[in-house]
Amino acid sequence: MKIKSIIISAVFIMLASACAPKGNPEYDAALNSLEKIIVEYENFVKKEQFCMSDSLKLIQEVTPQMTAMNQKLEQFNASKEEPSADQKARYMALAQRMSAALQALSTKQPAGC
């Protein structure tokens, strides 16, 4: 009997999540873009050594992407369309990852290249 109630609960949870609002797919695309930028920073931070020119190159590559993404997110805010709970949670997780990557980067010094 207990297994049956667990199965029913699991099915209910799956149905509820399938019926939950998914949010704007364009917001998901913006979050995907943000995650790509964060991965670039995370990979950069993993380097043992880097030159100042490497850091400048990263900034030059990422700045246009960040600008475009910020403009897209501002459009979403202006439209008053709320992101879904999953999208909000993903954004917060990405913001924490970006913060951690930037904090790790701030502790590194460029090598003498």
N, C-alpha and C. Protein backbone atom coordinates (compact mmCIF):
# COMPACT_ATOMS: atom_id res chain seq x y z
N MET A 1 0.82 -1.20 0.00
CA MET A 1 0.00 0.00 0.00
C MET A 1 0.87 1.27 0.00
N LYS A 2 1.98 1.23 0.74
CA LYS A 2 2.86 2.39 0.80
C LYS A 2 3.50 2.66 -0.56
N ILE A 3 3.89 1.61 -1.27
CA ILE A 3 4.49 1.77 -2.59
C ILE A 3 3.49 2.42 -3.54
N LYS A 4 2.23 2.02 -3.44
CA LYS A 4 1.19 2.58 -4.30
C LYS A 4 1.05 4.08 -4.06
N SER A 5 1.08 4.52 -2.81
CA SER A 5 0.95 5.95 -2.52
C SER A 5 2.18 6.73 -2.98
N ILE A 6 3.36 6.08 -2.91
CA ILE A 6 4.57 6.74 -3.41
C ILE A 6 4.48 6.92 -4.92
N ILE A 7 4.02 5.89 -5.61
CA ILE A 7 3.87 5.98 -7.07
C ILE A 7 2.86 7.05 -7.44
N ILE A 8 1.75 7.09 -6.74
CA ILE A 8 0.72 8.11 -7.02
C ILE A 8 1.29 9.50 -6.77
N SER A 9 2.03 9.66 -5.68
CA SER A 9 2.64 10.96 -5.39
C SER A 9 3.62 11.36 -6.48
N ALA A 10 4.43 10.41 -6.94
CA ALA A 10 5.41 10.71 -7.99
C ALA A 10 4.71 11.12 -9.28
N VAL A 11 3.65 10.41 -9.63
CA VAL A 11 2.90 10.75 -10.84
C VAL A 11 2.27 12.13 -10.70
N PHE A 12 1.74 12.44 -9.54
CA PHE A 12 1.13 13.75 -9.30
C PHE A 12 2.17 14.86 -9.46
N ILE A 13 3.35 14.64 -8.90
CA ILE A 13 4.42 15.65 -9.00
C ILE A 13 4.82 15.85 -10.45
N MET A 14 4.95 14.74 -11.21
CA MET A 14 5.32 14.86 -12.63
C MET A 14 4.26 15.61 -13.41
N LEU A 15 2.99 15.31 -13.14
CA LEU A 15 1.91 16.00 -13.84
C LEU A 15 1.87 17.48 -13.47
N ALA A 16 2.05 17.76 -12.20
CA ALA A 16 2.02 19.16 -11.75
C ALA A 16 3.15 19.94 -12.39
N SER A 17 4.34 19.36 -12.46
CA SER A 17 5.45 20.09 -13.07
C SER A 17 5.26 20.23 -14.57
N ALA A 18 4.63 19.26 -15.20
CA ALA A 18 4.36 19.35 -16.64
C ALA A 18 3.34 20.43 -16.94
N CYS A 19 2.43 20.68 -16.01
CA CYS A 19 1.38 21.68 -16.21
C CYS A 19 1.80 23.06 -15.71
N ALA A 20 2.92 23.15 -15.01
CA ALA A 20 3.37 24.43 -14.48
C ALA A 20 3.74 25.35 -15.63
N PRO A 21 3.56 26.66 -15.43
CA PRO A 21 3.92 27.60 -16.49
C PRO A 21 5.41 27.49 -16.82
N LYS A 22 5.71 27.45 -18.10
CA LYS A 22 7.09 27.26 -18.55
C LYS A 22 7.83 28.59 -18.69
N GLY A 23 7.13 29.68 -18.78
CA GLY A 23 7.78 30.97 -18.99
C GLY A 23 8.06 31.20 -20.46
N ASN A 24 8.59 32.34 -20.74
CA ASN A 24 8.89 32.76 -22.10
C ASN A 24 10.13 32.01 -22.62
N PRO A 25 10.02 31.33 -23.76
CA PRO A 25 11.18 30.63 -24.31
C PRO A 25 12.34 31.57 -24.65
N GLU A 26 12.03 32.82 -24.95
CA GLU A 26 13.09 33.78 -25.24
C GLU A 26 13.91 34.09 -23.98
N TYR A 27 13.25 34.04 -22.83
CA TYR A 27 13.96 34.23 -21.56
C TYR A 27 14.93 33.06 -21.35
N ASP A 28 14.48 31.85 -21.71
CA ASP A 28 15.37 30.69 -21.63
C ASP A 28 16.57 30.89 -22.55
N ALA A 29 16.35 31.43 -23.73
CA ALA A 29 17.45 31.68 -24.67
C ALA A 29 18.44 32.68 -24.08
N ALA A 30 17.92 33.71 -23.42
CA ALA A 30 18.80 34.70 -22.78
C ALA A 30 19.59 34.05 -21.65
N LEU A 31 18.95 33.17 -20.89
CA LEU A 31 19.66 32.46 -19.82
C LEU A 31 20.73 31.53 -20.40
N ASN A 32 20.44 30.92 -21.54
CA ASN A 32 21.44 30.08 -22.20
C ASN A 32 22.65 30.92 -22.61
N SER A 33 22.40 32.12 -23.12
CA SER A 33 23.50 33.02 -23.50
C SER A 33 24.32 33.41 -22.28
N LEU A 34 23.62 33.72 -21.20
CA LEU A 34 24.31 34.07 -19.96
C LEU A 34 25.18 32.91 -19.48
N GLU A 35 24.64 31.71 -19.56
CA GLU A 35 25.41 30.55 -19.10
C GLU A 35 26.67 30.34 -19.95
N LYS A 36 26.58 30.58 -21.24
CA LYS A 36 27.76 30.46 -22.11
C LYS A 36 28.85 31.45 -21.68
N ILE A 37 28.45 32.65 -21.33
CA ILE A 37 29.40 33.67 -20.88
C ILE A 37 30.04 33.22 -19.57
N ILE A 38 29.22 32.71 -18.67
CA ILE A 38 29.73 32.26 -17.37
C ILE A 38 30.72 31.12 -17.55
N VAL A 39 30.42 30.21 -18.45
CA VAL A 39 31.33 29.09 -18.71
C VAL A 39 32.67 29.62 -19.23
N GLU A 40 32.64 30.65 -20.06
CA GLU A 40 33.89 31.26 -20.55
C GLU A 40 34.71 31.79 -19.38
N TYR A 41 34.06 32.49 -18.45
CA TYR A 41 34.77 33.00 -17.27
C TYR A 41 35.27 31.86 -16.40
N GLU A 42 34.43 30.84 -16.18
CA GLU A 42 34.85 29.71 -15.35
C GLU A 42 36.06 29.01 -15.95
N ASN A 43 36.06 28.83 -17.26
CA ASN A 43 37.21 28.19 -17.92
C ASN A 43 38.45 29.07 -17.83
N PHE A 44 38.27 30.37 -17.95
CA PHE A 44 39.40 31.29 -17.86
C PHE A 44 40.02 31.23 -16.46
N VAL A 45 39.19 31.17 -15.44
CA VAL A 45 39.67 31.15 -14.06
C VAL A 45 40.46 29.87 -13.77
N LYS A 46 40.14 28.79 -14.48
CA LYS A 46 40.82 27.51 -14.26
C LYS A 46 42.26 27.52 -14.77
N LYS A 47 42.61 28.49 -15.61
CA LYS A 47 43.97 28.55 -16.15
C LYS A 47 44.96 28.81 -15.02
N GLU A 48 46.08 28.10 -15.08
CA GLU A 48 47.13 28.31 -14.08
C GLU A 48 47.73 29.71 -14.22
N GLN A 49 48.02 30.07 -15.46
CA GLN A 49 48.59 31.37 -15.74
C GLN A 49 47.87 32.01 -16.92
N PHE A 50 47.83 33.32 -16.89
CA PHE A 50 47.28 34.04 -18.03
C PHE A 50 47.98 35.38 -18.15
N CYS A 51 48.00 35.87 -19.35
CA CYS A 51 48.59 37.18 -19.62
C CYS A 51 47.50 38.25 -19.52
N MET A 52 47.91 39.46 -19.32
CA MET A 52 46.96 40.57 -19.30
C MET A 52 46.23 40.63 -20.63
N SER A 53 46.93 40.31 -21.73
CA SER A 53 46.29 40.34 -23.05
C SER A 53 45.17 39.29 -23.13
N ASP A 54 45.34 38.15 -22.44
CA ASP A 54 44.28 37.13 -22.39
C ASP A 54 43.03 37.69 -21.70
N SER A 55 43.26 38.39 -20.61
CA SER A 55 42.15 38.99 -19.86
C SER A 55 41.42 40.04 -20.71
N LEU A 56 42.19 40.87 -21.39
CA LEU A 56 41.58 41.90 -22.25
C LEU A 56 40.81 41.27 -23.40
N LYS A 57 41.35 40.18 -23.96
CA LYS A 57 40.68 39.49 -25.05
C LYS A 57 39.34 38.92 -24.58
N LEU A 58 39.33 38.32 -23.39
CA LEU A 58 38.09 37.79 -22.83
C LEU A 58 37.05 38.90 -22.67
N ILE A 59 37.48 40.02 -22.13
CA ILE A 59 36.56 41.14 -21.93
C ILE A 59 36.02 41.64 -23.27
N GLN A 60 36.88 41.73 -24.28
CA GLN A 60 36.44 42.19 -25.60
C GLN A 60 35.44 41.21 -26.22
N GLU A 61 35.63 39.93 -26.01
CA GLU A 61 34.72 38.94 -26.58
C GLU A 61 33.38 38.91 -25.85
N VAL A 62 33.43 39.07 -24.54
CA VAL A 62 32.24 38.89 -23.71
C VAL A 62 31.38 40.15 -23.63
N THR A 63 31.99 41.31 -23.71
CA THR A 63 31.23 42.56 -23.53
C THR A 63 30.07 42.71 -24.52
N PRO A 64 30.25 42.48 -25.82
CA PRO A 64 29.10 42.60 -26.73
C PRO A 64 28.00 41.58 -26.41
N GLN A 65 28.41 40.38 -26.00
CA GLN A 65 27.42 39.36 -25.64
C GLN A 65 26.63 39.79 -24.40
N MET A 66 27.33 40.32 -23.41
CA MET A 66 26.66 40.78 -22.18
C MET A 66 25.72 41.95 -22.48
N THR A 67 26.16 42.86 -23.33
CA THR A 67 25.33 44.01 -23.68
C THR A 67 24.05 43.55 -24.36
N ALA A 68 24.16 42.66 -25.32
CA ALA A 68 22.98 42.15 -26.02
C ALA A 68 22.05 41.41 -25.07
N MET A 69 22.63 40.61 -24.17
CA MET A 69 21.80 39.87 -23.23
C MET A 69 21.10 40.81 -22.25
N ASN A 70 21.81 41.83 -21.76
CA ASN A 70 21.19 42.80 -20.85
C ASN A 70 20.04 43.54 -21.53
N GLN A 71 20.21 43.90 -22.79
CA GLN A 71 19.14 44.57 -23.52
C GLN A 71 17.91 43.66 -23.63
N LYS A 72 18.15 42.39 -23.88
CA LYS A 72 17.05 41.43 -23.99
C LYS A 72 16.33 41.29 -22.66
N LEU A 73 17.08 41.20 -21.57
CA LEU A 73 16.47 41.08 -20.25
C LEU A 73 15.70 42.35 -19.88
N GLU A 74 16.20 43.51 -20.29
CA GLU A 74 15.48 44.76 -20.05
C GLU A 74 14.16 44.78 -20.81
N GLN A 75 14.15 44.22 -22.02
CA GLN A 75 12.91 44.12 -22.79
C GLN A 75 11.90 43.25 -22.04
N PHE A 76 12.37 42.16 -21.45
CA PHE A 76 11.46 41.29 -20.69
C PHE A 76 10.90 42.04 -19.49
N ASN A 77 11.75 42.81 -18.81
CA ASN A 77 11.28 43.57 -17.65
C ASN A 77 10.26 44.62 -18.07
N ALA A 78 10.49 45.26 -19.20
CA ALA A 78 9.56 46.28 -19.68
C ALA A 78 8.23 45.68 -20.10
N SER A 79 8.25 44.43 -20.56
CA SER A 79 7.01 43.80 -21.02
C SER A 79 6.12 43.35 -19.85
N LYS A 80 6.66 43.39 -18.66
CA LYS A 80 5.93 43.00 -17.44
C LYS A 80 5.59 41.51 -17.43
N GLU A 81 6.18 40.76 -18.36
CA GLU A 81 5.97 39.31 -18.38
C GLU A 81 6.89 38.68 -17.35
N GLU A 82 6.31 37.97 -16.42
CA GLU A 82 7.08 37.35 -15.35
C GLU A 82 7.73 36.06 -15.83
N PRO A 83 9.01 35.86 -15.49
CA PRO A 83 9.61 34.56 -15.78
C PRO A 83 9.00 33.51 -14.85
N SER A 84 9.08 32.26 -15.27
CA SER A 84 8.56 31.19 -14.43
C SER A 84 9.45 31.02 -13.20
N ALA A 85 8.95 30.27 -12.24
CA ALA A 85 9.73 30.02 -11.02
C ALA A 85 11.04 29.31 -11.36
N ASP A 86 10.99 28.38 -12.30
CA ASP A 86 12.20 27.67 -12.73
C ASP A 86 13.20 28.63 -13.36
N GLN A 87 12.70 29.56 -14.17
CA GLN A 87 13.58 30.53 -14.82
C GLN A 87 14.21 31.46 -13.77
N LYS A 88 13.43 31.88 -12.78
CA LYS A 88 13.98 32.72 -11.72
C LYS A 88 15.05 31.97 -10.94
N ALA A 89 14.79 30.71 -10.63
CA ALA A 89 15.76 29.90 -9.89
C ALA A 89 17.03 29.71 -10.71
N ARG A 90 16.88 29.47 -12.00
CA ARG A 90 18.04 29.29 -12.87
C ARG A 90 18.85 30.58 -12.94
N TYR A 91 18.17 31.71 -13.06
CA TYR A 91 18.86 32.99 -13.10
C TYR A 91 19.68 33.20 -11.83
N MET A 92 19.08 32.90 -10.68
CA MET A 92 19.78 33.08 -9.40
C MET A 92 21.00 32.16 -9.32
N ALA A 93 20.85 30.93 -9.77
CA ALA A 93 21.98 29.99 -9.77
C ALA A 93 23.10 30.49 -10.69
N LEU A 94 22.72 31.00 -11.85
CA LEU A 94 23.71 31.54 -12.79
C LEU A 94 24.40 32.77 -12.20
N ALA A 95 23.64 33.62 -11.54
CA ALA A 95 24.23 34.82 -10.92
C ALA A 95 25.25 34.42 -9.85
N GLN A 96 24.95 33.39 -9.10
CA GLN A 96 25.89 32.91 -8.09
C GLN A 96 27.16 32.35 -8.73
N ARG A 97 26.99 31.61 -9.82
CA ARG A 97 28.16 31.08 -10.54
C ARG A 97 29.03 32.20 -11.08
N MET A 98 28.39 33.23 -11.66
CA MET A 98 29.14 34.36 -12.21
C MET A 98 29.89 35.09 -11.09
N SER A 99 29.23 35.29 -9.98
CA SER A 99 29.85 35.95 -8.84
C SER A 99 31.06 35.16 -8.35
N ALA A 100 30.92 33.85 -8.26
CA ALA A 100 32.03 33.00 -7.82
C ALA A 100 33.20 33.07 -8.81
N ALA A 101 32.90 33.05 -10.11
CA ALA A 101 33.95 33.12 -11.12
C ALA A 101 34.68 34.46 -11.06
N LEU A 102 33.93 35.54 -10.92
CA LEU A 102 34.56 36.86 -10.85
C LEU A 102 35.38 37.02 -9.57
N GLN A 103 34.88 36.46 -8.48
CA GLN A 103 35.62 36.52 -7.23
C GLN A 103 36.93 35.74 -7.35
N ALA A 104 36.86 34.54 -7.94
CA ALA A 104 38.08 33.74 -8.14
C ALA A 104 39.05 34.47 -9.06
N LEU A 105 38.53 35.11 -10.09
CA LEU A 105 39.39 35.84 -11.02
C LEU A 105 40.08 37.02 -10.33
N SER A 106 39.39 37.65 -9.40
CA SER A 106 39.96 38.81 -8.72
C SER A 106 41.15 38.45 -7.83
N THR A 107 41.27 37.17 -7.49
CA THR A 107 42.39 36.75 -6.64
C THR A 107 43.63 36.35 -7.44
N LYS A 108 43.50 36.30 -8.76
CA LYS A 108 44.60 35.88 -9.63
C LYS A 108 45.33 37.11 -10.17
N GLN A 109 46.60 36.91 -10.40
CA GLN A 109 47.42 37.96 -10.99
C GLN A 109 47.93 37.49 -12.34
N PRO A 110 47.93 38.37 -13.35
CA PRO A 110 48.47 37.98 -14.66
C PRO A 110 49.95 37.63 -14.54
N ALA A 111 50.37 36.67 -15.34
CA ALA A 111 51.78 36.29 -15.37
C ALA A 111 52.56 37.32 -16.17
N GLY A 112 53.84 37.34 -15.98
CA GLY A 112 54.68 38.26 -16.75
C GLY A 112 54.86 37.73 -18.17
N CYS A 113 54.03 38.19 -19.08
CA CYS A 113 54.08 37.70 -20.46
C CYS A 113 54.74 38.73 -21.35
